[in-house]
Amino acid sequence: MAVELSASRILAAGAAVGPVLGIDTGSSTASVGIVADGRIRASRAQGLRSHCAGLPELVEDVLSSAGISLPDLRAIAVALGPG
């Protein structure tokens, strides 16, 4: 059975959960975003030489842009990859 993964379906499902931090570091570009209230509240992508060194600043920037603090998060979603 195929499951449709559309942006609108994912955002709608996340609306009931609360703020979710998404992180993808599967390439040389790190992407971080906050989904809350059924919409993308903030996102940022940046090419980094070291994800380990640059990721904390990206997360802080996105949290600040969304007006959300770390304890407000209900979940953290991490992409597995590449491949």
Protein backbone atom coordinates (compact mmCIF):
# COMPACT_ATOMS: atom_id res chain seq x y z
CA MET A 1 0.00 0.00 0.00
CA ALA A 2 1.48 3.34 -1.08
CA VAL A 3 1.41 6.27 1.30
CA GLU A 4 1.18 9.76 -0.14
CA LEU A 5 3.76 12.10 1.40
CA SER A 6 2.66 15.55 0.37
CA ALA A 7 3.75 18.73 2.14
CA SER A 8 0.16 19.65 3.01
CA ARG A 9 -0.49 16.23 4.55
CA ILE A 10 2.70 16.34 6.63
CA LEU A 11 2.01 19.89 7.83
CA ALA A 12 -1.57 19.02 8.76
CA ALA A 13 -0.44 15.97 10.72
CA GLY A 14 2.17 18.04 12.53
CA ALA A 15 -0.33 20.71 13.53
CA ALA A 16 -1.71 18.48 16.25
CA VAL A 17 1.71 17.56 17.64
CA GLY A 18 3.20 20.96 18.41
CA PRO A 19 6.49 22.52 17.32
CA VAL A 20 8.84 20.07 15.60
CA LEU A 21 12.48 20.77 14.76
CA GLY A 22 13.61 19.12 11.52
CA ILE A 23 17.28 18.53 10.73
CA ASP A 24 18.85 17.21 7.51
CA THR A 25 22.62 16.90 7.22
CA GLY A 26 22.72 14.27 4.49
CA SER A 27 24.78 16.44 2.15
CA SER A 28 27.23 19.32 2.35
CA THR A 29 24.23 21.59 2.96
CA ALA A 30 22.67 21.46 6.41
CA SER A 31 18.95 22.21 6.50
CA VAL A 32 17.03 23.04 9.67
CA GLY A 33 13.39 24.04 10.08
CA ILE A 34 10.54 24.43 12.54
CA VAL A 35 7.03 23.20 11.76
CA ALA A 36 4.24 24.36 14.08
CA ASP A 37 0.53 25.11 13.80
CA GLY A 38 0.36 23.39 10.42
CA ARG A 39 2.92 25.61 8.72
CA ILE A 40 6.64 26.11 8.34
CA ARG A 41 7.51 28.74 10.93
CA ALA A 42 11.19 29.11 10.03
CA SER A 43 13.83 27.35 7.95
CA ARG A 44 17.43 27.79 6.97
CA ALA A 45 19.90 25.92 4.78
CA GLN A 46 23.62 26.53 4.70
CA GLY A 47 26.63 24.82 3.22
CA LEU A 48 28.92 23.81 6.04
CA ARG A 49 32.41 22.35 6.13
CA SER A 50 31.61 20.79 9.49
CA HIS A 51 28.01 20.06 10.42
CA CYS A 52 29.13 19.40 13.96
CA ALA A 53 30.57 22.91 14.29
CA GLY A 54 27.83 24.80 12.40
CA LEU A 55 24.64 22.99 13.36
CA PRO A 56 24.17 24.52 16.83
CA GLU A 57 24.15 28.06 15.36
CA LEU A 58 21.69 27.04 12.63
CA VAL A 59 19.33 25.51 15.19
CA GLU A 60 19.54 28.60 17.41
CA ASP A 61 18.84 30.90 14.45
CA VAL A 62 15.78 28.90 13.39
CA LEU A 63 14.41 28.69 16.92
CA SER A 64 14.85 32.43 17.35
CA SER A 65 13.21 33.20 13.98
CA ALA A 66 10.23 31.01 14.90
CA GLY A 67 9.92 32.57 18.36
CA ILE A 68 10.28 29.14 19.96
CA SER A 69 12.67 27.97 22.67
CA LEU A 70 14.21 24.52 22.89
CA PRO A 71 11.92 23.36 25.76
CA ASP A 72 8.86 24.28 23.64
CA LEU A 73 9.69 21.58 21.07
CA ARG A 74 7.48 18.50 21.09
CA ALA A 75 9.73 16.47 18.80
CA ILE A 76 12.92 16.49 16.75
CA ALA A 77 12.88 14.89 13.30
CA VAL A 78 16.17 13.86 11.71
CA ALA A 79 16.58 12.80 8.09
CA LEU A 80 18.50 9.59 7.46
CA GLY A 81 20.76 9.70 4.48
CA PRO A 82 22.13 10.21 2.04
CA GLY A 83 20.58 7.40 0.11
